Amino acid sequence: MVSTSDIQVWLSADVDALTGEQLRDLDRRAVGWSVKVVSRVTPDQLDLPTPCAGWTLGDLLRHMVAQHRGFAAAAQGLPAGAEVWEDASLGVDPAGTYTDAAAAVTAAFAADGMLDRSVDVYGYGVFRAPVVLGMHFVDYLVHGWDVARSVGDTQPLDPELSAAGLAVALRWPYHRPDKAFAVKVDVPQTAPDGDRLIGYLGRSPGWPG
């Protein structure tokens, strides 16, 4: 079992050659792509299975909305509480709710001075802003893939985003006994970066096969 202190050490490691501005741009691009993916989700699809074991598409979207709101609050220096990070409703317009949450976190990350702050991430601790941007970037690049696969979209991840995401994720511990990021799946080192990233975070690149 990996401890919280172990996770903090991995997450705090420097990301090779990626500046705060670059991480912010990567995150913006990944979130923007996730918005496009989620925009195609209809309310009747919320019971579909996802690559996140035990989560329906509705469960996954509620998690994504709540985490966007949590990161946005944390980036503004607000308290990191469960009521912000874990409790979210999709309302009558799941895609619209997600779009609004994504816009809120992107705006919070874009604020002047954000890159110089320390950010309290619920359940993990306080980190430098660039580290937090890396966490959020990988989270939403992979969860965007989860949503896409859930609704039958098998298009591969963007190669540039995948390469950067893999560089960040490889700093993280590989044993993750939770629904969002599970124990890694072995993927050949010769596979595309997107497949290696997906496997490292506990998904089969060929899901649902």
Protein backbone atom coordinates (compact mmCIF):
# COMPACT_ATOMS: atom_id res chain seq x y z
CA MET A 1 0.00 0.00 0.00
CA VAL A 2 1.36 3.45 -0.95
CA SER A 3 1.05 6.03 1.81
CA THR A 4 -0.02 9.65 1.48
CA SER A 5 3.55 10.71 2.23
CA ASP A 6 4.81 8.50 -0.62
CA ILE A 7 2.33 10.13 -2.97
CA GLN A 8 3.48 13.60 -1.90
CA VAL A 9 7.09 12.72 -2.69
CA TRP A 10 6.24 11.50 -6.16
CA LEU A 11 3.91 14.36 -6.98
CA SER A 12 6.40 16.94 -5.79
CA ALA A 13 9.19 15.68 -8.06
CA ASP A 14 10.21 18.13 -10.76
CA VAL A 15 8.69 17.47 -14.17
CA ASP A 16 11.42 17.31 -16.79
CA ALA A 17 11.64 20.52 -18.81
CA LEU A 18 8.02 21.57 -18.22
CA THR A 19 7.51 25.08 -16.87
CA GLY A 20 4.46 26.27 -14.99
CA GLU A 21 3.27 28.13 -18.08
CA GLN A 22 3.65 25.01 -20.20
CA LEU A 23 1.76 22.89 -17.70
CA ARG A 24 -1.00 25.48 -17.56
CA ASP A 25 -1.29 25.41 -21.35
CA LEU A 26 -1.28 21.61 -21.43
CA ASP A 27 -4.01 21.55 -18.81
CA ARG A 28 -6.09 24.10 -20.70
CA ARG A 29 -5.83 21.99 -23.86
CA ALA A 30 -6.69 18.75 -22.10
CA VAL A 31 -9.68 20.29 -20.35
CA GLY A 32 -10.85 21.88 -23.60
CA TRP A 33 -10.71 18.49 -25.29
CA SER A 34 -12.62 16.90 -22.42
CA VAL A 35 -15.37 19.51 -22.83
CA LYS A 36 -15.74 18.53 -26.50
CA VAL A 37 -15.98 14.86 -25.52
CA VAL A 38 -18.51 15.46 -22.76
CA SER A 39 -20.59 17.74 -25.00
CA ARG A 40 -21.61 14.63 -26.96
CA VAL A 41 -22.95 12.85 -23.86
CA THR A 42 -26.73 12.65 -23.59
CA PRO A 43 -28.71 12.06 -20.37
CA ASP A 44 -29.78 8.59 -21.51
CA GLN A 45 -26.11 7.51 -21.58
CA LEU A 46 -25.37 8.13 -17.90
CA ASP A 47 -25.79 4.47 -16.97
CA LEU A 48 -23.14 3.30 -19.43
CA PRO A 49 -20.09 1.51 -17.97
CA THR A 50 -16.69 3.22 -17.99
CA PRO A 51 -13.03 2.16 -17.74
CA CYS A 52 -13.21 3.28 -14.07
CA ALA A 53 -14.17 0.01 -12.36
CA GLY A 54 -17.62 0.19 -10.77
CA TRP A 55 -18.39 3.67 -12.06
CA THR A 56 -21.12 4.47 -14.54
CA LEU A 57 -20.69 7.39 -16.89
CA GLY A 58 -22.85 9.46 -14.53
CA ASP A 59 -20.58 8.58 -11.59
CA LEU A 60 -17.52 9.56 -13.60
CA LEU A 61 -18.98 12.89 -14.71
CA ARG A 62 -20.01 13.76 -11.16
CA HIS A 63 -16.45 13.03 -10.06
CA MET A 64 -15.05 15.20 -12.86
CA VAL A 65 -17.38 18.09 -12.10
CA ALA A 66 -16.64 17.96 -8.37
CA GLN A 67 -12.88 17.78 -8.88
CA HIS A 68 -12.95 20.73 -11.28
CA ARG A 69 -14.79 22.73 -8.65
CA GLY A 70 -12.41 21.56 -5.94
CA PHE A 71 -9.29 22.50 -7.89
CA ALA A 72 -10.85 25.86 -8.79
CA ALA A 73 -11.58 26.64 -5.14
CA ALA A 74 -8.12 25.50 -4.06
CA ALA A 75 -6.43 27.62 -6.72
CA GLN A 76 -8.23 30.63 -5.25
CA GLY A 77 -7.03 29.79 -1.74
CA LEU A 78 -10.38 28.56 -0.46
CA PRO A 79 -10.62 25.72 2.10
CA ALA A 80 -10.25 22.20 0.68
CA GLY A 81 -13.33 20.41 2.04
CA ALA A 82 -15.25 17.30 1.00
CA GLU A 83 -18.36 19.37 0.34
CA VAL A 84 -16.51 21.08 -2.53
CA TRP A 85 -14.36 18.22 -3.83
CA GLU A 86 -16.76 15.28 -3.66
CA ASP A 87 -20.38 16.45 -3.82
CA ALA A 88 -21.71 17.31 -7.27
CA SER A 89 -24.96 17.01 -9.15
CA LEU A 90 -25.19 16.93 -12.94
CA GLY A 91 -28.63 18.56 -13.03
CA VAL A 92 -30.82 18.30 -16.10
CA ASP A 93 -27.97 19.21 -18.47
CA PRO A 94 -24.90 17.08 -17.65
CA ALA A 95 -22.84 18.43 -20.54
CA GLY A 96 -23.66 22.03 -19.62
CA THR A 97 -22.86 21.41 -15.96
CA TYR A 98 -19.51 19.95 -16.94
CA THR A 99 -18.74 22.83 -19.31
CA ASP A 100 -19.40 25.36 -16.55
CA ALA A 101 -17.16 23.50 -14.07
CA ALA A 102 -14.39 23.23 -16.66
CA ALA A 103 -14.61 26.96 -17.39
CA ALA A 104 -14.39 27.75 -13.67
CA VAL A 105 -11.19 25.78 -13.10
CA THR A 106 -9.57 27.06 -16.29
CA ALA A 107 -10.28 30.63 -15.20
CA ALA A 108 -8.94 29.96 -11.70
CA PHE A 109 -5.73 28.48 -13.10
CA ALA A 110 -5.33 31.43 -15.49
CA ALA A 111 -5.48 34.05 -12.71
CA ASP A 112 -2.52 36.39 -12.27
CA GLY A 113 -0.05 35.09 -9.73
CA MET A 114 -1.49 31.58 -9.64
CA LEU A 115 1.78 29.95 -10.67
CA ASP A 116 3.50 31.35 -7.59
CA ARG A 117 0.99 29.98 -5.11
CA SER A 118 0.86 26.90 -2.93
CA VAL A 119 -2.37 24.95 -3.41
CA ASP A 120 -4.13 22.68 -0.90
CA VAL A 121 -5.34 19.60 -2.79
CA TYR A 122 -8.00 17.75 -0.81
CA GLY A 123 -6.76 14.39 0.40
CA TYR A 124 -3.16 14.88 -0.75
CA GLY A 125 -1.68 17.99 0.84
CA VAL A 126 -0.22 21.34 -0.18
CA PHE A 127 1.82 21.59 -3.37
CA ARG A 128 3.39 24.20 -5.60
CA ALA A 129 1.03 25.38 -8.32
CA PRO A 130 2.96 23.76 -11.21
CA VAL A 131 2.70 20.37 -9.46
CA VAL A 132 -1.05 20.87 -9.08
CA LEU A 133 -1.38 21.79 -12.74
CA GLY A 134 0.39 18.55 -13.65
CA MET A 135 -1.96 16.56 -11.46
CA HIS A 136 -5.04 18.17 -12.99
CA PHE A 137 -3.71 17.90 -16.54
CA VAL A 138 -3.14 14.14 -16.36
CA ASP A 139 -6.40 13.62 -14.47
CA TYR A 140 -8.52 15.23 -17.17
CA LEU A 141 -6.58 13.93 -20.14
CA VAL A 142 -7.19 10.37 -18.93
CA HIS A 143 -10.73 10.97 -17.70
CA GLY A 144 -11.53 12.54 -21.06
CA TRP A 145 -10.39 9.26 -22.61
CA ASP A 146 -12.60 7.39 -20.14
CA VAL A 147 -15.65 9.35 -21.24
CA ALA A 148 -14.81 8.95 -24.91
CA ARG A 149 -14.46 5.18 -24.59
CA SER A 150 -17.66 4.95 -22.59
CA VAL A 151 -19.64 6.43 -25.49
CA GLY A 152 -17.82 4.40 -28.15
CA ASP A 153 -15.20 6.91 -29.35
CA THR A 154 -11.95 4.98 -29.96
CA GLN A 155 -9.88 7.87 -31.34
CA PRO A 156 -6.37 7.85 -29.81
CA LEU A 157 -5.18 10.57 -27.47
CA ASP A 158 -3.36 13.58 -28.90
CA PRO A 159 0.32 12.56 -29.26
CA GLU A 160 1.75 15.78 -27.80
CA LEU A 161 -0.56 15.76 -24.81
CA SER A 162 0.12 12.06 -24.34
CA ALA A 163 3.89 12.49 -24.28
CA ALA A 164 3.67 15.28 -21.71
CA GLY A 165 1.06 13.41 -19.67
CA LEU A 166 3.20 10.29 -19.56
CA ALA A 167 6.23 12.31 -18.40
CA VAL A 168 4.17 13.68 -15.51
CA ALA A 169 2.40 10.43 -14.63
CA LEU A 170 5.57 8.36 -14.49
CA ARG A 171 6.49 10.40 -11.40
CA TRP A 172 3.46 8.95 -9.61
CA PRO A 173 3.23 5.69 -7.66
CA TYR A 174 1.84 2.87 -9.76
CA HIS A 175 -0.28 1.19 -7.08
CA ARG A 176 -3.61 3.01 -6.88
CA PRO A 177 -6.38 0.99 -5.24
CA ASP A 178 -9.27 3.28 -6.15
CA LYS A 179 -11.83 3.64 -8.90
CA ALA A 180 -10.39 6.68 -10.63
CA PHE A 181 -6.86 5.37 -11.18
CA ALA A 182 -6.32 1.66 -10.62
CA VAL A 183 -3.29 -0.63 -10.50
CA LYS A 184 -1.30 -0.27 -13.71
CA VAL A 185 -1.89 -2.48 -16.73
CA ASP A 186 1.23 -3.72 -18.51
CA VAL A 187 1.61 -2.10 -21.92
CA PRO A 188 4.62 -2.64 -24.24
CA GLN A 189 7.28 0.07 -24.05
CA THR A 190 7.03 0.33 -27.83
CA ALA A 191 3.34 1.28 -27.64
CA PRO A 192 2.23 4.87 -28.34
CA ASP A 193 2.60 7.26 -25.40
CA GLY A 194 -1.18 7.52 -25.09
CA ASP A 195 -1.54 3.77 -24.63
CA ARG A 196 1.34 3.71 -22.13
CA LEU A 197 -0.28 6.54 -20.16
CA ILE A 198 -3.64 4.79 -20.14
CA GLY A 199 -2.04 1.54 -19.00
CA TYR A 200 0.04 3.23 -16.30
CA LEU A 201 -3.13 4.63 -14.79
CA GLY A 202 -4.88 1.28 -14.71
CA ARG A 203 -6.80 0.97 -17.97
CA SER A 204 -6.54 -1.40 -20.89
CA PRO A 205 -5.92 0.69 -24.05
CA GLY A 206 -8.34 -1.65 -25.82
CA TRP A 207 -11.17 -1.17 -23.31
CA PRO A 208 -13.81 -2.62 -23.27
CA GLY A 209 -12.10 -5.59 -24.92
